[in-house]
PDB file of all heavy atoms in Angstrom:
ATOM      1  N   GLY A   1      23.952  30.487   1.479  1.00  0.00           N
ATOM      2  CA  GLY A   1      23.813  29.216   2.166  1.00  0.00           C
ATOM      3  C   GLY A   1      25.055  28.797   2.922  1.00  0.00           C
ATOM      4  O   GLY A   1      26.085  29.470   2.905  1.00  0.00           O
ATOM      5  N   PRO A   2      24.979  27.647   3.592  1.00  0.00           N
ATOM      6  CA  PRO A   2      26.087  27.159   4.410  1.00  0.00           C
ATOM      7  C   PRO A   2      27.143  26.449   3.559  1.00  0.00           C
ATOM      8  O   PRO A   2      26.975  26.248   2.353  1.00  0.00           O
ATOM      9  CB  PRO A   2      25.398  26.161   5.342  1.00  0.00           C
ATOM     10  CG  PRO A   2      24.287  25.592   4.491  1.00  0.00           C
ATOM     11  CD  PRO A   2      23.795  26.759   3.657  1.00  0.00           C
ATOM     12  N   VAL A   3      28.214  26.059   4.208  1.00  0.00           N
ATOM     13  CA  VAL A   3      29.178  25.142   3.590  1.00  0.00           C
ATOM     14  C   VAL A   3      28.625  23.724   3.750  1.00  0.00           C
ATOM     15  O   VAL A   3      28.335  23.282   4.860  1.00  0.00           O
ATOM     16  CB  VAL A   3      30.563  25.255   4.251  1.00  0.00           C
ATOM     17  CG1 VAL A   3      31.506  24.198   3.691  1.00  0.00           C
ATOM     18  CG2 VAL A   3      31.133  26.651   4.041  1.00  0.00           C
ATOM     19  N   TYR A   4      28.465  23.053   2.624  1.00  0.00           N
ATOM     20  CA  TYR A   4      27.901  21.702   2.633  1.00  0.00           C
ATOM     21  C   TYR A   4      29.007  20.650   2.623  1.00  0.00           C
ATOM     22  O   TYR A   4      30.156  20.918   2.248  1.00  0.00           O
ATOM     23  CB  TYR A   4      26.999  21.499   1.421  1.00  0.00           C
ATOM     24  CG  TYR A   4      25.704  22.268   1.452  1.00  0.00           C
ATOM     25  CD1 TYR A   4      25.511  23.373   0.628  1.00  0.00           C
ATOM     26  CD2 TYR A   4      24.670  21.884   2.294  1.00  0.00           C
ATOM     27  CE1 TYR A   4      24.314  24.070   0.633  1.00  0.00           C
ATOM     28  CE2 TYR A   4      23.464  22.584   2.316  1.00  0.00           C
ATOM     29  CZ  TYR A   4      23.295  23.672   1.482  1.00  0.00           C
ATOM     30  OH  TYR A   4      22.111  24.371   1.501  1.00  0.00           O
ATOM     31  N   ASP A   5      28.618  19.422   2.978  1.00  0.00           N
ATOM     32  CA  ASP A   5      29.529  18.281   2.948  1.00  0.00           C
ATOM     33  C   ASP A   5      29.484  17.653   1.558  1.00  0.00           C
ATOM     34  O   ASP A   5      28.617  16.831   1.254  1.00  0.00           O
ATOM     35  CB  ASP A   5      29.134  17.265   4.016  1.00  0.00           C
ATOM     36  CG  ASP A   5      30.056  16.050   4.028  1.00  0.00           C
ATOM     37  OD1 ASP A   5      31.046  16.033   3.269  1.00  0.00           O
ATOM     38  OD2 ASP A   5      29.770  15.098   4.790  1.00  0.00           O
ATOM     39  N   ALA A   6      30.437  18.031   0.709  1.00  0.00           N
ATOM     40  CA  ALA A   6      30.446  17.531  -0.659  1.00  0.00           C
ATOM     41  C   ALA A   6      30.775  16.052  -0.744  1.00  0.00           C
ATOM     42  O   ALA A   6      30.569  15.430  -1.790  1.00  0.00           O
ATOM     43  CB  ALA A   6      31.459  18.328  -1.490  1.00  0.00           C
ATOM     44  N   SER A   7      31.270  15.458   0.329  1.00  0.00           N
ATOM     45  CA  SER A   7      31.664  14.050   0.259  1.00  0.00           C
ATOM     46  C   SER A   7      30.470  13.109   0.141  1.00  0.00           C
ATOM     47  O   SER A   7      30.648  11.924  -0.163  1.00  0.00           O
ATOM     48  CB  SER A   7      32.517  13.658   1.469  1.00  0.00           C
ATOM     49  OG  SER A   7      31.727  13.526   2.643  1.00  0.00           O
ATOM     50  N   ILE A   8      29.239  13.608   0.362  1.00  0.00           N
ATOM     51  CA  ILE A   8      28.093  12.711   0.187  1.00  0.00           C
ATOM     52  C   ILE A   8      27.821  12.448  -1.294  1.00  0.00           C
ATOM     53  O   ILE A   8      27.027  11.565  -1.630  1.00  0.00           O
ATOM     54  CB  ILE A   8      26.823  13.223   0.878  1.00  0.00           C
ATOM     55  CG1 ILE A   8      26.205  14.396   0.119  1.00  0.00           C
ATOM     56  CG2 ILE A   8      27.072  13.546   2.334  1.00  0.00           C
ATOM     57  CD1 ILE A   8      24.754  14.631   0.479  1.00  0.00           C
ATOM     58  N   LEU A   9      28.485  13.189  -2.182  1.00  0.00           N
ATOM     59  CA  LEU A   9      28.327  12.937  -3.617  1.00  0.00           C
ATOM     60  C   LEU A   9      29.252  11.792  -4.011  1.00  0.00           C
ATOM     61  O   LEU A   9      30.179  11.927  -4.807  1.00  0.00           O
ATOM     62  CB  LEU A   9      28.659  14.187  -4.422  1.00  0.00           C
ATOM     63  CG  LEU A   9      27.844  15.442  -4.079  1.00  0.00           C
ATOM     64  CD1 LEU A   9      28.391  16.648  -4.838  1.00  0.00           C
ATOM     65  CD2 LEU A   9      26.370  15.233  -4.403  1.00  0.00           C
ATOM     66  N   SER A  10      28.993  10.616  -3.447  1.00  0.00           N
ATOM     67  CA  SER A  10      29.923   9.493  -3.575  1.00  0.00           C
ATOM     68  C   SER A  10      29.161   8.177  -3.588  1.00  0.00           C
ATOM     69  O   SER A  10      28.003   8.094  -3.160  1.00  0.00           O
ATOM     70  CB  SER A  10      30.919   9.497  -2.406  1.00  0.00           C
ATOM     71  OG  SER A  10      30.234   9.383  -1.173  1.00  0.00           O
ATOM     72  N   ASP A  11      29.831   7.135  -4.064  1.00  0.00           N
ATOM     73  CA  ASP A  11      29.248   5.792  -4.069  1.00  0.00           C
ATOM     74  C   ASP A  11      28.823   5.380  -2.667  1.00  0.00           C
ATOM     75  O   ASP A  11      27.802   4.702  -2.482  1.00  0.00           O
ATOM     76  CB  ASP A  11      30.270   4.764  -4.575  1.00  0.00           C
ATOM     77  CG  ASP A  11      30.613   4.936  -6.039  1.00  0.00           C
ATOM     78  OD1 ASP A  11      29.987   5.789  -6.701  1.00  0.00           O
ATOM     79  OD2 ASP A  11      31.506   4.231  -6.529  1.00  0.00           O
ATOM     80  N   GLU A  12      29.630   5.770  -1.686  1.00  0.00           N
ATOM     81  CA  GLU A  12      29.355   5.341  -0.316  1.00  0.00           C
ATOM     82  C   GLU A  12      28.086   5.966   0.247  1.00  0.00           C
ATOM     83  O   GLU A  12      27.585   5.517   1.283  1.00  0.00           O
ATOM     84  CB  GLU A  12      30.551   5.694   0.573  1.00  0.00           C
ATOM     85  CG  GLU A  12      31.799   4.885   0.296  1.00  0.00           C
ATOM     86  CD  GLU A  12      32.560   5.301  -0.953  1.00  0.00           C
ATOM     87  OE1 GLU A  12      32.282   6.389  -1.508  1.00  0.00           O
ATOM     88  OE2 GLU A  12      33.442   4.533  -1.378  1.00  0.00           O
ATOM     89  N   CYS A  13      27.552   6.984  -0.424  1.00  0.00           N
ATOM     90  CA  CYS A  13      26.362   7.688   0.066  1.00  0.00           C
ATOM     91  C   CYS A  13      25.244   7.691  -0.974  1.00  0.00           C
ATOM     92  O   CYS A  13      24.375   8.557  -0.948  1.00  0.00           O
ATOM     93  CB  CYS A  13      26.708   9.119   0.444  1.00  0.00           C
ATOM     94  SG  CYS A  13      27.981   9.272   1.705  1.00  0.00           S
ATOM     95  N   GLY A  14      25.260   6.740  -1.881  1.00  0.00           N
ATOM     96  CA  GLY A  14      24.309   6.745  -2.985  1.00  0.00           C
ATOM     97  C   GLY A  14      22.935   6.207  -2.676  1.00  0.00           C
ATOM     98  O   GLY A  14      22.201   5.837  -3.592  1.00  0.00           O
ATOM     99  N   GLY A  15      22.580   6.127  -1.397  1.00  0.00           N
ATOM    100  CA  GLY A  15      21.249   5.665  -1.047  1.00  0.00           C
ATOM    101  C   GLY A  15      21.116   4.164  -0.985  1.00  0.00           C
ATOM    102  O   GLY A  15      20.013   3.638  -0.837  1.00  0.00           O
ATOM    103  N   HIS A  16      22.224   3.439  -1.095  1.00  0.00           N
ATOM    104  CA  HIS A  16      22.184   1.986  -1.101  1.00  0.00           C
ATOM    105  C   HIS A  16      23.171   1.439  -0.090  1.00  0.00           C
ATOM    106  O   HIS A  16      24.051   2.145   0.391  1.00  0.00           O
ATOM    107  CB  HIS A  16      22.541   1.430  -2.485  1.00  0.00           C
ATOM    108  CG  HIS A  16      21.643   1.925  -3.572  1.00  0.00           C
ATOM    109  ND1 HIS A  16      21.850   3.132  -4.204  1.00  0.00           N
ATOM    110  CD2 HIS A  16      20.540   1.386  -4.135  1.00  0.00           C
ATOM    111  CE1 HIS A  16      20.903   3.314  -5.114  1.00  0.00           C
ATOM    112  NE2 HIS A  16      20.105   2.274  -5.091  1.00  0.00           N
ATOM    113  N   GLN A  17      23.047   0.159   0.172  1.00  0.00           N
ATOM    114  CA  GLN A  17      24.036  -0.505   1.000  1.00  0.00           C
ATOM    115  C   GLN A  17      25.322  -0.663   0.195  1.00  0.00           C
ATOM    116  O   GLN A  17      25.401  -0.301  -0.965  1.00  0.00           O
ATOM    117  CB  GLN A  17      23.507  -1.871   1.444  1.00  0.00           C
ATOM    118  CG  GLN A  17      22.264  -1.781   2.314  1.00  0.00           C
ATOM    119  CD  GLN A  17      21.709  -3.142   2.668  1.00  0.00           C
ATOM    120  OE1 GLN A  17      22.146  -4.153   2.135  1.00  0.00           O
ATOM    121  NE2 GLN A  17      20.743  -3.175   3.566  1.00  0.00           N
ATOM    122  N   ALA A  18      26.361  -1.227   0.824  1.00  0.00           N
ATOM    123  CA  ALA A  18      27.628  -1.451   0.128  1.00  0.00           C
ATOM    124  C   ALA A  18      27.396  -2.228  -1.150  1.00  0.00           C
ATOM    125  O   ALA A  18      26.514  -3.090  -1.226  1.00  0.00           O
ATOM    126  CB  ALA A  18      28.587  -2.213   1.038  1.00  0.00           C
ATOM    127  N   HIS A  19      28.172  -1.926  -2.153  1.00  0.00           N
ATOM    128  CA  HIS A  19      28.107  -2.557  -3.476  1.00  0.00           C
ATOM    129  C   HIS A  19      26.837  -2.166  -4.226  1.00  0.00           C
ATOM    130  O   HIS A  19      26.433  -2.869  -5.152  1.00  0.00           O
ATOM    131  CB  HIS A  19      28.175  -4.090  -3.392  1.00  0.00           C
ATOM    132  CG  HIS A  19      29.147  -4.614  -2.385  1.00  0.00           C
ATOM    133  ND1 HIS A  19      30.505  -4.409  -2.483  1.00  0.00           N
ATOM    134  CD2 HIS A  19      28.954  -5.326  -1.242  1.00  0.00           C
ATOM    135  CE1 HIS A  19      31.101  -4.992  -1.439  1.00  0.00           C
ATOM    136  NE2 HIS A  19      30.197  -5.535  -0.678  1.00  0.00           N
ATOM    137  N   GLY A  20      26.213  -1.038  -3.885  1.00  0.00           N
ATOM    138  CA  GLY A  20      24.941  -0.713  -4.524  1.00  0.00           C
ATOM    139  C   GLY A  20      24.920   0.576  -5.326  1.00  0.00           C
ATOM    140  O   GLY A  20      23.962   0.823  -6.046  1.00  0.00           O
ATOM    141  N   SER A  21      25.954   1.422  -5.212  1.00  0.00           N
ATOM    142  CA  SER A  21      26.010   2.675  -5.958  1.00  0.00           C
ATOM    143  C   SER A  21      27.315   2.707  -6.740  1.00  0.00           C
ATOM    144  O   SER A  21      28.375   2.426  -6.188  1.00  0.00           O
ATOM    145  CB  SER A  21      25.931   3.876  -5.010  1.00  0.00           C
ATOM    146  OG  SER A  21      24.699   3.862  -4.316  1.00  0.00           O
ATOM    147  N   PHE A  22      27.234   3.111  -8.026  1.00  0.00           N
ATOM    148  CA  PHE A  22      28.341   2.787  -8.919  1.00  0.00           C
ATOM    149  C   PHE A  22      28.820   3.922  -9.808  1.00  0.00           C
ATOM    150  O   PHE A  22      29.627   3.689 -10.699  1.00  0.00           O
ATOM    151  CB  PHE A  22      27.929   1.627  -9.837  1.00  0.00           C
ATOM    152  CG  PHE A  22      27.377   0.436  -9.125  1.00  0.00           C
ATOM    153  CD1 PHE A  22      26.152  -0.094  -9.476  1.00  0.00           C
ATOM    154  CD2 PHE A  22      28.082  -0.158  -8.097  1.00  0.00           C
ATOM    155  CE1 PHE A  22      25.642  -1.205  -8.823  1.00  0.00           C
ATOM    156  CE2 PHE A  22      27.584  -1.264  -7.432  1.00  0.00           C
ATOM    157  CZ  PHE A  22      26.357  -1.790  -7.797  1.00  0.00           C
ATOM    158  N   THR A  23      28.330   5.141  -9.657  1.00  0.00           N
ATOM    159  CA  THR A  23      28.616   6.163 -10.666  1.00  0.00           C
ATOM    160  C   THR A  23      29.678   7.147 -10.155  1.00  0.00           C
ATOM    161  O   THR A  23      30.795   6.768  -9.881  1.00  0.00           O
ATOM    162  CB  THR A  23      27.322   6.869 -11.095  1.00  0.00           C
ATOM    163  OG1 THR A  23      26.695   7.472  -9.956  1.00  0.00           O
ATOM    164  CG2 THR A  23      26.360   5.885 -11.720  1.00  0.00           C
ATOM    165  N   GLY A  24      29.336   8.418 -10.063  1.00  0.00           N
ATOM    166  CA  GLY A  24      30.275   9.438  -9.635  1.00  0.00           C
ATOM    167  C   GLY A  24      29.582  10.785  -9.638  1.00  0.00           C
ATOM    168  O   GLY A  24      28.458  10.930 -10.126  1.00  0.00           O
ATOM    169  N   ALA A  25      30.255  11.791  -9.100  1.00  0.00           N
ATOM    170  CA  ALA A  25      29.665  13.121  -8.990  1.00  0.00           C
ATOM    171  C   ALA A  25      29.691  13.845 -10.330  1.00  0.00           C
ATOM    172  O   ALA A  25      30.652  13.744 -11.088  1.00  0.00           O
ATOM    173  CB  ALA A  25      30.402  13.934  -7.942  1.00  0.00           C
ATOM    174  N   PHE A  26      28.620  14.587 -10.602  1.00  0.00           N
ATOM    175  CA  PHE A  26      28.497  15.443 -11.773  1.00  0.00           C
ATOM    176  C   PHE A  26      28.219  16.867 -11.305  1.00  0.00           C
ATOM    177  O   PHE A  26      27.770  17.099 -10.177  1.00  0.00           O
ATOM    178  CB  PHE A  26      27.336  14.990 -12.669  1.00  0.00           C
ATOM    179  CG  PHE A  26      27.645  13.825 -13.564  1.00  0.00           C
ATOM    180  CD1 PHE A  26      27.827  12.549 -13.051  1.00  0.00           C
ATOM    181  CD2 PHE A  26      27.752  13.988 -14.938  1.00  0.00           C
ATOM    182  CE1 PHE A  26      28.103  11.476 -13.872  1.00  0.00           C
ATOM    183  CE2 PHE A  26      28.020  12.924 -15.777  1.00  0.00           C
ATOM    184  CZ  PHE A  26      28.194  11.660 -15.246  1.00  0.00           C
ATOM    185  N   VAL A  27      28.441  17.821 -12.202  1.00  0.00           N
ATOM    186  CA  VAL A  27      28.049  19.196 -11.962  1.00  0.00           C
ATOM    187  C   VAL A  27      27.453  19.734 -13.250  1.00  0.00           C
ATOM    188  O   VAL A  27      27.970  19.479 -14.341  1.00  0.00           O
ATOM    189  CB  VAL A  27      29.242  20.056 -11.483  1.00  0.00           C
ATOM    190  CG1 VAL A  27      30.364  20.088 -12.509  1.00  0.00           C
ATOM    191  CG2 VAL A  27      28.791  21.455 -11.119  1.00  0.00           C
ATOM    192  N   GLY A  28      26.329  20.447 -13.127  1.00  0.00           N
ATOM    193  CA  GLY A  28      25.694  20.911 -14.355  1.00  0.00           C
ATOM    194  C   GLY A  28      24.473  21.757 -14.117  1.00  0.00           C
ATOM    195  O   GLY A  28      24.269  22.308 -13.022  1.00  0.00           O
ATOM    196  N   MET A  29      23.657  21.849 -15.149  1.00  0.00           N
ATOM    197  CA  MET A  29      22.488  22.716 -15.194  1.00  0.00           C
ATOM    198  C   MET A  29      21.224  21.870 -15.231  1.00  0.00           C
ATOM    199  O   MET A  29      21.198  20.826 -15.879  1.00  0.00           O
ATOM    200  CB  MET A  29      22.561  23.607 -16.440  1.00  0.00           C
ATOM    201  CG  MET A  29      23.815  24.464 -16.501  1.00  0.00           C
ATOM    202  SD  MET A  29      24.335  24.862 -18.208  1.00  0.00           S
ATOM    203  CE  MET A  29      25.059  23.294 -18.721  1.00  0.00           C
ATOM    204  N   ALA A  30      20.176  22.353 -14.562  1.00  0.00           N
ATOM    205  CA  ALA A  30      18.942  21.586 -14.488  1.00  0.00           C
ATOM    206  C   ALA A  30      17.742  22.527 -14.514  1.00  0.00           C
ATOM    207  O   ALA A  30      17.853  23.711 -14.187  1.00  0.00           O
ATOM    208  CB  ALA A  30      18.913  20.734 -13.218  1.00  0.00           C
TER     209      ALA A  30
END
């Protein structure tokens, strides 16, 4: 695959407007 933009794994890109996403990036198995 390509090189992805890992910065979307952030509060600023959590699918909400400002002040709406509050967690952080994880890595794991699913």
